Amino acid sequence: MYGTGTIGVVFGHESNGSACDWMQEAQTLGQQGYRTLALDFNGYGASTPSGHAFSQDIVDGATFLGTQGATSIVLIGSSMGGSAVLAATPSVTLPVKAVIALSSPAAFAGSNALAAAPKITVPLLMICGNYDTGIIDDVKGIYAAATATKQKKLLLLDTATHGRLLVQAGVGSEPQAIDAFNAFLKTYAPIE
């Protein structure tokens, strides 16, 4: 956890990762004035298995940030974590300012992003590579199903880069994805 702001940010990691995957972004956003939490899904990293859907871990993370001083939430996830944040969005009790999902499958380990999509009413940014086979059609389907939000954006890039690597500086990152990620946060969850 980083930062002391009133806008909380919960990060959900990929299936081959842990909270460490999002540490740099969590720290950077914490320094910018957000209150951030990069979590381990149950059964990953330092977390013990609980048997519940990963979307519940996201809801629990948002609730925890509320007890620490956050009054609103941004949900960010990649791949498996993207499915989890999308599925969690309708169940988070604090006001959700925005959701960012990178390379998200329609469903993963009990978190059904496609089923939740029509219930998402908050600003939504989805980013995926056109050559991310097996995922691109799911992303398009989720985006099309998200009919309740009027502030949504789908960014498809000519790359096979998957998940968090789209927005993390380094090999494989996509400047257009990084710009869209930062602009979306500034527009829908600005630090005041």
N, C-alpha and C. Protein backbone atom coordinates (compact mmCIF):
# COMPACT_ATOMS: atom_id res chain seq x y z
N MET A 1 0.85 -1.17 0.00
CA MET A 1 0.00 0.00 0.00
C MET A 1 0.90 1.24 0.00
N TYR A 2 0.49 2.24 -0.80
CA TYR A 2 1.25 3.48 -0.92
C TYR A 2 0.30 4.66 -0.90
N GLY A 3 0.79 5.80 -0.45
CA GLY A 3 0.04 7.04 -0.55
C GLY A 3 -0.96 7.24 0.57
N THR A 4 -1.48 8.46 0.63
CA THR A 4 -2.41 8.82 1.70
C THR A 4 -3.64 9.55 1.18
N GLY A 5 -3.87 9.51 -0.12
CA GLY A 5 -4.97 10.27 -0.71
C GLY A 5 -6.34 9.68 -0.43
N THR A 6 -7.37 10.40 -0.82
CA THR A 6 -8.75 9.94 -0.62
C THR A 6 -9.26 9.12 -1.80
N ILE A 7 -8.55 9.14 -2.93
CA ILE A 7 -8.92 8.28 -4.05
C ILE A 7 -8.07 7.02 -3.96
N GLY A 8 -8.74 5.90 -3.71
CA GLY A 8 -8.04 4.63 -3.61
C GLY A 8 -7.91 3.97 -4.97
N VAL A 9 -6.84 3.22 -5.17
CA VAL A 9 -6.62 2.47 -6.40
C VAL A 9 -6.27 1.04 -6.01
N VAL A 10 -7.06 0.08 -6.50
CA VAL A 10 -6.79 -1.34 -6.26
C VAL A 10 -6.28 -1.94 -7.56
N PHE A 11 -5.14 -2.65 -7.48
CA PHE A 11 -4.53 -3.30 -8.63
C PHE A 11 -4.70 -4.81 -8.54
N GLY A 12 -5.17 -5.43 -9.63
CA GLY A 12 -5.29 -6.88 -9.72
C GLY A 12 -4.28 -7.44 -10.71
N HIS A 13 -3.55 -8.48 -10.31
CA HIS A 13 -2.45 -9.01 -11.11
C HIS A 13 -2.89 -10.14 -12.06
N GLU A 14 -1.95 -10.58 -12.87
CA GLU A 14 -2.17 -11.64 -13.85
C GLU A 14 -2.00 -13.02 -13.21
N SER A 15 -2.38 -14.06 -13.95
CA SER A 15 -2.36 -15.42 -13.39
C SER A 15 -0.97 -15.95 -13.11
N ASN A 16 0.02 -15.41 -13.75
CA ASN A 16 1.40 -15.87 -13.50
C ASN A 16 2.16 -14.88 -12.62
N GLY A 17 1.43 -14.08 -11.85
CA GLY A 17 2.09 -13.04 -11.08
C GLY A 17 1.64 -12.94 -9.65
N SER A 18 1.86 -11.75 -9.09
CA SER A 18 1.50 -11.45 -7.70
C SER A 18 1.38 -9.94 -7.57
N ALA A 19 1.20 -9.48 -6.35
CA ALA A 19 1.11 -8.05 -6.09
C ALA A 19 2.34 -7.31 -6.59
N CYS A 20 3.48 -8.00 -6.60
CA CYS A 20 4.74 -7.37 -7.03
C CYS A 20 4.65 -6.83 -8.46
N ASP A 21 3.80 -7.44 -9.29
CA ASP A 21 3.68 -7.00 -10.68
C ASP A 21 3.29 -5.53 -10.80
N TRP A 22 2.49 -5.04 -9.87
CA TRP A 22 1.99 -3.68 -9.94
C TRP A 22 2.66 -2.73 -8.94
N MET A 23 3.70 -3.19 -8.25
CA MET A 23 4.34 -2.37 -7.21
C MET A 23 4.81 -1.02 -7.73
N GLN A 24 5.48 -0.99 -8.89
CA GLN A 24 6.00 0.28 -9.40
C GLN A 24 4.88 1.27 -9.67
N GLU A 25 3.81 0.81 -10.31
CA GLU A 25 2.69 1.70 -10.61
C GLU A 25 1.99 2.14 -9.33
N ALA A 26 1.84 1.21 -8.38
CA ALA A 26 1.21 1.55 -7.10
C ALA A 26 2.01 2.62 -6.37
N GLN A 27 3.32 2.48 -6.39
CA GLN A 27 4.19 3.46 -5.73
C GLN A 27 4.13 4.81 -6.45
N THR A 28 4.18 4.78 -7.77
CA THR A 28 4.13 6.03 -8.55
C THR A 28 2.83 6.77 -8.31
N LEU A 29 1.70 6.06 -8.37
CA LEU A 29 0.40 6.71 -8.14
C LEU A 29 0.28 7.18 -6.69
N GLY A 30 0.85 6.42 -5.76
CA GLY A 30 0.86 6.85 -4.37
C GLY A 30 1.60 8.16 -4.19
N GLN A 31 2.71 8.32 -4.89
CA GLN A 31 3.49 9.56 -4.84
C GLN A 31 2.74 10.72 -5.49
N GLN A 32 1.84 10.40 -6.42
CA GLN A 32 1.05 11.45 -7.09
C GLN A 32 -0.15 11.90 -6.27
N GLY A 33 -0.47 11.17 -5.17
CA GLY A 33 -1.57 11.58 -4.31
C GLY A 33 -2.70 10.60 -4.17
N TYR A 34 -2.59 9.44 -4.81
CA TYR A 34 -3.59 8.39 -4.63
C TYR A 34 -3.22 7.52 -3.42
N ARG A 35 -4.16 6.75 -2.92
CA ARG A 35 -3.91 5.73 -1.89
C ARG A 35 -4.03 4.39 -2.63
N THR A 36 -2.95 3.67 -2.78
CA THR A 36 -2.95 2.50 -3.66
C THR A 36 -2.74 1.20 -2.90
N LEU A 37 -3.26 0.13 -3.49
CA LEU A 37 -3.11 -1.21 -2.93
C LEU A 37 -2.89 -2.20 -4.07
N ALA A 38 -1.72 -2.79 -4.12
CA ALA A 38 -1.46 -3.91 -5.03
C ALA A 38 -1.63 -5.17 -4.18
N LEU A 39 -2.58 -5.99 -4.56
CA LEU A 39 -2.89 -7.15 -3.71
C LEU A 39 -2.51 -8.46 -4.37
N ASP A 40 -2.31 -9.47 -3.54
CA ASP A 40 -2.18 -10.85 -4.00
C ASP A 40 -3.57 -11.45 -4.00
N PHE A 41 -3.99 -12.02 -5.12
CA PHE A 41 -5.24 -12.77 -5.10
C PHE A 41 -5.08 -13.98 -4.19
N ASN A 42 -6.19 -14.44 -3.65
CA ASN A 42 -6.11 -15.56 -2.73
C ASN A 42 -5.47 -16.77 -3.43
N GLY A 43 -4.47 -17.33 -2.74
CA GLY A 43 -3.73 -18.45 -3.29
C GLY A 43 -2.50 -18.05 -4.10
N TYR A 44 -2.26 -16.75 -4.25
CA TYR A 44 -1.10 -16.24 -4.99
C TYR A 44 -0.20 -15.46 -4.03
N GLY A 45 1.09 -15.42 -4.40
CA GLY A 45 2.03 -14.63 -3.60
C GLY A 45 2.00 -15.04 -2.14
N ALA A 46 1.78 -14.07 -1.26
CA ALA A 46 1.76 -14.32 0.18
C ALA A 46 0.37 -14.63 0.72
N SER A 47 -0.61 -14.73 -0.16
CA SER A 47 -2.00 -14.93 0.27
C SER A 47 -2.37 -16.42 0.28
N THR A 48 -3.09 -16.81 1.29
CA THR A 48 -3.55 -18.20 1.37
C THR A 48 -4.82 -18.37 0.55
N PRO A 49 -5.08 -19.56 0.04
CA PRO A 49 -6.31 -19.80 -0.73
C PRO A 49 -7.55 -19.65 0.15
N SER A 50 -8.56 -18.99 -0.38
CA SER A 50 -9.82 -18.85 0.37
C SER A 50 -10.96 -19.56 -0.34
N GLY A 51 -10.77 -19.82 -1.63
CA GLY A 51 -11.82 -20.50 -2.39
C GLY A 51 -12.84 -19.58 -3.02
N HIS A 52 -12.81 -18.30 -2.70
CA HIS A 52 -13.79 -17.42 -3.34
C HIS A 52 -13.23 -16.81 -4.62
N ALA A 53 -14.11 -16.24 -5.42
CA ALA A 53 -13.72 -15.65 -6.71
C ALA A 53 -12.76 -14.49 -6.48
N PHE A 54 -11.86 -14.29 -7.43
CA PHE A 54 -10.89 -13.20 -7.31
C PHE A 54 -11.58 -11.83 -7.30
N SER A 55 -12.75 -11.73 -7.90
CA SER A 55 -13.49 -10.46 -7.85
C SER A 55 -13.80 -10.08 -6.40
N GLN A 56 -14.00 -11.08 -5.53
CA GLN A 56 -14.24 -10.78 -4.12
C GLN A 56 -13.00 -10.20 -3.47
N ASP A 57 -11.81 -10.65 -3.89
CA ASP A 57 -10.57 -10.06 -3.39
C ASP A 57 -10.50 -8.57 -3.74
N ILE A 58 -10.96 -8.21 -4.94
CA ILE A 58 -10.97 -6.81 -5.35
C ILE A 58 -11.95 -6.01 -4.49
N VAL A 59 -13.14 -6.56 -4.28
CA VAL A 59 -14.12 -5.90 -3.41
C VAL A 59 -13.54 -5.71 -2.01
N ASP A 60 -12.90 -6.76 -1.49
CA ASP A 60 -12.29 -6.68 -0.16
C ASP A 60 -11.18 -5.63 -0.12
N GLY A 61 -10.38 -5.56 -1.19
CA GLY A 61 -9.32 -4.56 -1.26
C GLY A 61 -9.87 -3.14 -1.25
N ALA A 62 -10.95 -2.92 -1.99
CA ALA A 62 -11.59 -1.59 -2.02
C ALA A 62 -12.16 -1.25 -0.65
N THR A 63 -12.78 -2.22 -0.02
CA THR A 63 -13.33 -2.00 1.32
C THR A 63 -12.22 -1.65 2.31
N PHE A 64 -11.11 -2.38 2.23
CA PHE A 64 -9.97 -2.10 3.10
C PHE A 64 -9.45 -0.68 2.89
N LEU A 65 -9.30 -0.25 1.64
CA LEU A 65 -8.84 1.11 1.39
C LEU A 65 -9.81 2.13 1.98
N GLY A 66 -11.10 1.81 1.99
CA GLY A 66 -12.09 2.67 2.62
C GLY A 66 -11.83 2.83 4.11
N THR A 67 -11.41 1.77 4.77
CA THR A 67 -11.10 1.86 6.20
C THR A 67 -9.82 2.65 6.46
N GLN A 68 -9.01 2.83 5.41
CA GLN A 68 -7.75 3.55 5.54
C GLN A 68 -7.86 5.02 5.12
N GLY A 69 -9.04 5.44 4.70
CA GLY A 69 -9.24 6.85 4.36
C GLY A 69 -9.67 7.14 2.93
N ALA A 70 -9.74 6.13 2.09
CA ALA A 70 -10.22 6.36 0.72
C ALA A 70 -11.73 6.60 0.75
N THR A 71 -12.19 7.56 -0.04
CA THR A 71 -13.62 7.83 -0.14
C THR A 71 -14.18 7.47 -1.50
N SER A 72 -13.30 7.13 -2.44
CA SER A 72 -13.71 6.64 -3.76
C SER A 72 -12.60 5.73 -4.26
N ILE A 73 -12.89 4.98 -5.32
CA ILE A 73 -12.00 3.90 -5.76
C ILE A 73 -11.82 3.92 -7.28
N VAL A 74 -10.61 3.55 -7.71
CA VAL A 74 -10.31 3.21 -9.10
C VAL A 74 -9.86 1.75 -9.09
N LEU A 75 -10.36 0.97 -10.03
CA LEU A 75 -9.98 -0.44 -10.13
C LEU A 75 -9.16 -0.65 -11.39
N ILE A 76 -8.00 -1.27 -11.25
CA ILE A 76 -7.10 -1.51 -12.38
C ILE A 76 -6.66 -2.97 -12.34
N GLY A 77 -6.80 -3.66 -13.47
CA GLY A 77 -6.38 -5.06 -13.51
C GLY A 77 -5.91 -5.47 -14.88
N SER A 78 -5.05 -6.49 -14.89
CA SER A 78 -4.54 -7.00 -16.16
C SER A 78 -4.79 -8.49 -16.26
N SER A 79 -5.25 -8.91 -17.43
CA SER A 79 -5.54 -10.31 -17.71
C SER A 79 -6.50 -10.86 -16.67
N MET A 80 -6.11 -11.87 -15.90
CA MET A 80 -6.96 -12.41 -14.84
C MET A 80 -7.45 -11.29 -13.93
N GLY A 81 -6.56 -10.37 -13.58
CA GLY A 81 -6.92 -9.23 -12.72
C GLY A 81 -7.89 -8.29 -13.39
N GLY A 82 -7.82 -8.18 -14.70
CA GLY A 82 -8.79 -7.37 -15.44
C GLY A 82 -10.18 -7.96 -15.34
N SER A 83 -10.28 -9.28 -15.49
CA SER A 83 -11.57 -9.94 -15.33
C SER A 83 -12.11 -9.72 -13.92
N ALA A 84 -11.22 -9.79 -12.94
CA ALA A 84 -11.63 -9.63 -11.55
C ALA A 84 -12.13 -8.22 -11.27
N VAL A 85 -11.44 -7.18 -11.77
CA VAL A 85 -11.90 -5.82 -11.48
C VAL A 85 -13.22 -5.53 -12.20
N LEU A 86 -13.38 -6.04 -13.40
CA LEU A 86 -14.64 -5.85 -14.12
C LEU A 86 -15.79 -6.54 -13.38
N ALA A 87 -15.57 -7.77 -12.96
CA ALA A 87 -16.61 -8.52 -12.25
C ALA A 87 -16.92 -7.90 -10.90
N ALA A 88 -15.92 -7.28 -10.27
CA ALA A 88 -16.11 -6.69 -8.94
C ALA A 88 -16.83 -5.35 -8.97
N THR A 89 -16.70 -4.62 -10.05
CA THR A 89 -17.17 -3.23 -10.09
C THR A 89 -18.59 -3.05 -9.56
N PRO A 90 -19.58 -3.84 -9.98
CA PRO A 90 -20.94 -3.60 -9.47
C PRO A 90 -21.10 -3.87 -7.97
N SER A 91 -20.15 -4.57 -7.35
CA SER A 91 -20.27 -4.93 -5.93
C SER A 91 -19.46 -4.05 -4.99
N VAL A 92 -18.64 -3.17 -5.51
CA VAL A 92 -17.84 -2.29 -4.65
C VAL A 92 -18.77 -1.23 -4.05
N THR A 93 -18.70 -1.06 -2.72
CA THR A 93 -19.62 -0.15 -2.05
C THR A 93 -19.18 1.31 -2.10
N LEU A 94 -17.87 1.58 -2.08
CA LEU A 94 -17.42 2.96 -2.24
C LEU A 94 -17.69 3.40 -3.68
N PRO A 95 -17.87 4.70 -3.91
CA PRO A 95 -18.05 5.16 -5.29
C PRO A 95 -16.84 4.79 -6.15
N VAL A 96 -17.10 4.15 -7.28
CA VAL A 96 -16.03 3.79 -8.21
C VAL A 96 -15.91 4.91 -9.24
N LYS A 97 -14.73 5.51 -9.31
CA LYS A 97 -14.50 6.61 -10.24
C LYS A 97 -14.19 6.12 -11.65
N ALA A 98 -13.48 4.99 -11.76
CA ALA A 98 -13.07 4.50 -13.07
C ALA A 98 -12.58 3.06 -12.95
N VAL A 99 -12.64 2.36 -14.08
CA VAL A 99 -12.12 0.99 -14.18
C VAL A 99 -11.23 0.92 -15.41
N ILE A 100 -10.03 0.33 -15.22
CA ILE A 100 -9.11 0.11 -16.33
C ILE A 100 -8.79 -1.37 -16.39
N ALA A 101 -9.10 -2.00 -17.53
CA ALA A 101 -8.89 -3.44 -17.70
C ALA A 101 -8.01 -3.67 -18.92
N LEU A 102 -6.92 -4.41 -18.72
CA LEU A 102 -5.95 -4.68 -19.77
C LEU A 102 -5.99 -6.15 -20.14
N SER A 103 -6.26 -6.46 -21.40
CA SER A 103 -6.22 -7.84 -21.91
C SER A 103 -7.05 -8.80 -21.06
N SER A 104 -8.30 -8.45 -20.84
CA SER A 104 -9.14 -9.20 -19.91
C SER A 104 -9.95 -10.32 -20.56
N PRO A 105 -9.81 -11.56 -20.07
CA PRO A 105 -10.69 -12.63 -20.55
C PRO A 105 -12.13 -12.38 -20.10
N ALA A 106 -13.07 -12.97 -20.80
CA ALA A 106 -14.49 -12.83 -20.46
C ALA A 106 -14.78 -13.36 -19.06
N ALA A 107 -14.09 -14.41 -18.67
CA ALA A 107 -14.26 -14.98 -17.33
C ALA A 107 -12.98 -15.70 -16.95
N PHE A 108 -12.68 -15.69 -15.66
CA PHE A 108 -11.49 -16.38 -15.18
C PHE A 108 -11.68 -16.72 -13.71
N ALA A 109 -11.56 -18.00 -13.39
CA ALA A 109 -11.57 -18.48 -12.00
C ALA A 109 -12.72 -17.91 -11.17
N GLY A 110 -13.92 -17.94 -11.71
CA GLY A 110 -15.10 -17.49 -10.97
C GLY A 110 -15.42 -16.02 -11.10
N SER A 111 -14.58 -15.25 -11.77
CA SER A 111 -14.85 -13.83 -12.00
C SER A 111 -15.35 -13.66 -13.43
N ASN A 112 -16.64 -13.38 -13.58
CA ASN A 112 -17.25 -13.31 -14.90
C ASN A 112 -17.40 -11.85 -15.34
N ALA A 113 -16.41 -11.38 -16.08
CA ALA A 113 -16.40 -10.00 -16.55
C ALA A 113 -17.52 -9.74 -17.57
N LEU A 114 -17.78 -10.70 -18.42
CA LEU A 114 -18.81 -10.52 -19.45
C LEU A 114 -20.18 -10.37 -18.82
N ALA A 115 -20.48 -11.15 -17.80
CA ALA A 115 -21.78 -11.05 -17.12
C ALA A 115 -21.92 -9.73 -16.36
N ALA A 116 -20.81 -9.23 -15.82
CA ALA A 116 -20.85 -7.98 -15.06
C ALA A 116 -20.89 -6.75 -15.96
N ALA A 117 -20.40 -6.86 -17.17
CA ALA A 117 -20.25 -5.70 -18.06
C ALA A 117 -21.52 -4.85 -18.20
N PRO A 118 -22.71 -5.44 -18.38
CA PRO A 118 -23.90 -4.59 -18.52
C PRO A 118 -24.26 -3.82 -17.26
N LYS A 119 -23.67 -4.19 -16.11
CA LYS A 119 -23.95 -3.52 -14.83
C LYS A 119 -22.93 -2.44 -14.51
N ILE A 120 -21.92 -2.27 -15.34
CA ILE A 120 -20.90 -1.26 -15.09
C ILE A 120 -21.41 0.08 -15.59
N THR A 121 -21.51 1.04 -14.67
CA THR A 121 -22.05 2.36 -15.00
C THR A 121 -21.01 3.46 -14.92
N VAL A 122 -19.79 3.09 -14.59
CA VAL A 122 -18.71 4.07 -14.37
C VAL A 122 -17.80 4.12 -15.59
N PRO A 123 -16.95 5.15 -15.69
CA PRO A 123 -16.01 5.22 -16.81
C PRO A 123 -15.15 3.97 -16.93
N LEU A 124 -15.01 3.47 -18.14
CA LEU A 124 -14.33 2.21 -18.41
C LEU A 124 -13.33 2.37 -19.55
N LEU A 125 -12.08 1.96 -19.29
CA LEU A 125 -11.05 1.91 -20.32
C LEU A 125 -10.59 0.47 -20.46
N MET A 126 -10.64 -0.03 -21.69
CA MET A 126 -10.14 -1.37 -21.97
C MET A 126 -9.06 -1.25 -23.04
N ILE A 127 -7.93 -1.94 -22.80
CA ILE A 127 -6.81 -1.92 -23.74
C ILE A 127 -6.39 -3.35 -24.03
N CYS A 128 -6.12 -3.63 -25.31
CA CYS A 128 -5.70 -4.97 -25.70
C CYS A 128 -4.93 -4.89 -27.02
N GLY A 129 -4.07 -5.85 -27.24
CA GLY A 129 -3.37 -5.96 -28.50
C GLY A 129 -4.20 -6.73 -29.51
N ASN A 130 -4.22 -6.27 -30.74
CA ASN A 130 -4.96 -6.97 -31.80
C ASN A 130 -4.45 -8.39 -32.04
N TYR A 131 -3.19 -8.63 -31.70
CA TYR A 131 -2.60 -9.96 -31.93
C TYR A 131 -2.52 -10.78 -30.65
N ASP A 132 -3.26 -10.38 -29.64
CA ASP A 132 -3.34 -11.13 -28.39
C ASP A 132 -4.42 -12.19 -28.58
N THR A 133 -4.07 -13.23 -29.34
CA THR A 133 -5.04 -14.25 -29.73
C THR A 133 -5.63 -14.94 -28.51
N GLY A 134 -6.88 -15.24 -28.59
CA GLY A 134 -7.57 -15.87 -27.48
C GLY A 134 -8.15 -14.86 -26.51
N ILE A 135 -7.69 -13.63 -26.55
CA ILE A 135 -8.16 -12.60 -25.63
C ILE A 135 -8.91 -11.49 -26.37
N ILE A 136 -8.46 -11.14 -27.54
CA ILE A 136 -9.01 -9.98 -28.25
C ILE A 136 -10.52 -10.08 -28.44
N ASP A 137 -11.02 -11.25 -28.79
CA ASP A 137 -12.47 -11.39 -28.98
C ASP A 137 -13.22 -11.23 -27.66
N ASP A 138 -12.64 -11.72 -26.57
CA ASP A 138 -13.26 -11.54 -25.26
C ASP A 138 -13.34 -10.05 -24.90
N VAL A 139 -12.25 -9.33 -25.13
CA VAL A 139 -12.21 -7.90 -24.82
C VAL A 139 -13.29 -7.16 -25.62
N LYS A 140 -13.37 -7.45 -26.89
CA LYS A 140 -14.41 -6.80 -27.72
C LYS A 140 -15.80 -7.13 -27.22
N GLY A 141 -16.02 -8.38 -26.81
CA GLY A 141 -17.32 -8.79 -26.30
C GLY A 141 -17.69 -8.09 -25.00
N ILE A 142 -16.73 -7.98 -24.09
CA ILE A 142 -16.98 -7.29 -22.82
C ILE A 142 -17.31 -5.83 -23.09
N TYR A 143 -16.52 -5.21 -23.94
CA TYR A 143 -16.73 -3.79 -24.26
C TYR A 143 -18.12 -3.57 -24.86
N ALA A 144 -18.51 -4.43 -25.79
CA ALA A 144 -19.83 -4.30 -26.42
C ALA A 144 -20.95 -4.49 -25.40
N ALA A 145 -20.73 -5.35 -24.41
CA ALA A 145 -21.76 -5.64 -23.40
C ALA A 145 -21.86 -4.54 -22.35
N ALA A 146 -20.87 -3.67 -22.26
CA ALA A 146 -20.86 -2.59 -21.25
C ALA A 146 -21.71 -1.43 -21.75
N THR A 147 -23.00 -1.65 -21.78
CA THR A 147 -23.93 -0.68 -22.37
C THR A 147 -24.43 0.38 -21.38
N ALA A 148 -24.20 0.19 -20.08
CA ALA A 148 -24.73 1.13 -19.09
C ALA A 148 -23.82 2.32 -18.85
N THR A 149 -22.57 2.24 -19.27
CA THR A 149 -21.67 3.38 -19.11
C THR A 149 -21.59 4.17 -20.40
N LYS A 150 -21.63 5.47 -20.24
CA LYS A 150 -21.53 6.35 -21.41
C LYS A 150 -20.11 6.85 -21.62
N GLN A 151 -19.23 6.63 -20.62
CA GLN A 151 -17.84 7.03 -20.72
C GLN A 151 -16.99 5.78 -20.82
N LYS A 152 -16.88 5.26 -22.02
CA LYS A 152 -16.06 4.07 -22.20
C LYS A 152 -15.17 4.24 -23.43
N LYS A 153 -14.01 3.59 -23.34
CA LYS A 153 -13.05 3.67 -24.43
C LYS A 153 -12.40 2.31 -24.61
N LEU A 154 -12.27 1.88 -25.86
CA LEU A 154 -11.58 0.65 -26.21
C LEU A 154 -10.38 1.03 -27.07
N LEU A 155 -9.19 0.67 -26.60
CA LEU A 155 -7.97 0.95 -27.33
C LEU A 155 -7.37 -0.38 -27.76
N LEU A 156 -7.38 -0.61 -29.08
CA LEU A 156 -6.80 -1.82 -29.65
C LEU A 156 -5.52 -1.43 -30.38
N LEU A 157 -4.44 -2.10 -30.06
CA LEU A 157 -3.12 -1.75 -30.60
C LEU A 157 -2.58 -2.89 -31.44
N ASP A 158 -1.79 -2.56 -32.43
CA ASP A 158 -1.18 -3.58 -33.29
C ASP A 158 0.04 -4.19 -32.61
N THR A 159 -0.24 -5.04 -31.64
CA THR A 159 0.80 -5.70 -30.87
C THR A 159 0.26 -7.02 -30.32
N ALA A 160 1.15 -7.88 -29.92
CA ALA A 160 0.78 -9.11 -29.21
C ALA A 160 1.07 -8.98 -27.72
N THR A 161 1.58 -7.82 -27.30
CA THR A 161 1.88 -7.59 -25.89
C THR A 161 0.62 -7.79 -25.07
N HIS A 162 0.77 -8.43 -23.91
CA HIS A 162 -0.36 -8.82 -23.09
C HIS A 162 -0.35 -8.13 -21.73
N GLY A 163 -1.52 -7.72 -21.27
CA GLY A 163 -1.72 -7.27 -19.91
C GLY A 163 -0.93 -6.06 -19.49
N ARG A 164 -0.40 -6.14 -18.27
CA ARG A 164 0.27 -4.99 -17.66
C ARG A 164 1.46 -4.49 -18.46
N LEU A 165 2.07 -5.36 -19.25
CA LEU A 165 3.23 -4.94 -20.03
C LEU A 165 2.87 -3.86 -21.04
N LEU A 166 1.59 -3.73 -21.38
CA LEU A 166 1.16 -2.67 -22.30
C LEU A 166 1.43 -1.29 -21.71
N VAL A 167 1.32 -1.16 -20.38
CA VAL A 167 1.40 0.16 -19.75
C VAL A 167 2.61 0.34 -18.84
N GLN A 168 3.45 -0.67 -18.74
CA GLN A 168 4.63 -0.55 -17.90
C GLN A 168 5.84 -0.20 -18.75
N ALA A 169 6.58 0.78 -18.30
CA ALA A 169 7.77 1.21 -19.04
C ALA A 169 8.72 0.04 -19.21
N GLY A 170 9.28 -0.08 -20.40
CA GLY A 170 10.24 -1.14 -20.65
C GLY A 170 9.94 -1.86 -21.95
N VAL A 171 10.57 -2.98 -22.15
CA VAL A 171 10.41 -3.77 -23.37
C VAL A 171 8.96 -4.20 -23.51
N GLY A 172 8.37 -3.93 -24.66
CA GLY A 172 7.00 -4.35 -24.93
C GLY A 172 5.96 -3.31 -24.60
N SER A 173 6.32 -2.28 -23.85
CA SER A 173 5.32 -1.27 -23.49
C SER A 173 4.88 -0.52 -24.74
N GLU A 174 3.70 0.01 -24.68
CA GLU A 174 3.10 0.72 -25.79
C GLU A 174 2.84 2.17 -25.37
N PRO A 175 3.58 3.14 -25.94
CA PRO A 175 3.40 4.53 -25.54
C PRO A 175 1.95 5.00 -25.63
N GLN A 176 1.23 4.54 -26.65
CA GLN A 176 -0.17 4.94 -26.81
C GLN A 176 -1.01 4.41 -25.65
N ALA A 177 -0.71 3.20 -25.18
CA ALA A 177 -1.43 2.63 -24.04
C ALA A 177 -1.09 3.38 -22.76
N ILE A 178 0.18 3.71 -22.57
CA ILE A 178 0.60 4.46 -21.39
C ILE A 178 -0.09 5.82 -21.37
N ASP A 179 -0.12 6.50 -22.50
CA ASP A 179 -0.78 7.81 -22.59
C ASP A 179 -2.27 7.70 -22.28
N ALA A 180 -2.93 6.68 -22.84
CA ALA A 180 -4.37 6.50 -22.60
C ALA A 180 -4.64 6.20 -21.13
N PHE A 181 -3.82 5.35 -20.52
CA PHE A 181 -3.93 5.00 -19.10
C PHE A 181 -3.85 6.26 -18.24
N ASN A 182 -2.80 7.06 -18.46
CA ASN A 182 -2.60 8.27 -17.66
C ASN A 182 -3.68 9.31 -17.90
N ALA A 183 -4.09 9.48 -19.15
CA ALA A 183 -5.14 10.46 -19.47
C ALA A 183 -6.47 10.06 -18.85
N PHE A 184 -6.77 8.77 -18.85
CA PHE A 184 -8.03 8.29 -18.29
C PHE A 184 -8.08 8.58 -16.79
N LEU A 185 -6.98 8.29 -16.09
CA LEU A 185 -6.93 8.60 -14.65
C LEU A 185 -7.09 10.10 -14.41
N LYS A 186 -6.40 10.91 -15.19
CA LYS A 186 -6.46 12.36 -15.01
C LYS A 186 -7.86 12.89 -15.29
N THR A 187 -8.55 12.30 -16.26
CA THR A 187 -9.90 12.77 -16.60
C THR A 187 -10.94 12.34 -15.58
N TYR A 188 -10.93 11.09 -15.17
CA TYR A 188 -12.02 10.54 -14.37
C TYR A 188 -11.70 10.37 -12.89
N ALA A 189 -10.43 10.43 -12.52
CA ALA A 189 -10.07 10.33 -11.10
C ALA A 189 -8.92 11.29 -10.80
N PRO A 190 -9.13 12.59 -11.08
CA PRO A 190 -8.04 13.55 -10.88
C PRO A 190 -7.76 13.79 -9.40
N ILE A 191 -6.50 14.00 -9.09
CA ILE A 191 -6.09 14.39 -7.75
C ILE A 191 -6.36 15.88 -7.61
N GLU A 192 -7.10 16.22 -6.60
CA GLU A 192 -7.46 17.65 -6.41
C GLU A 192 -6.60 18.31 -5.38
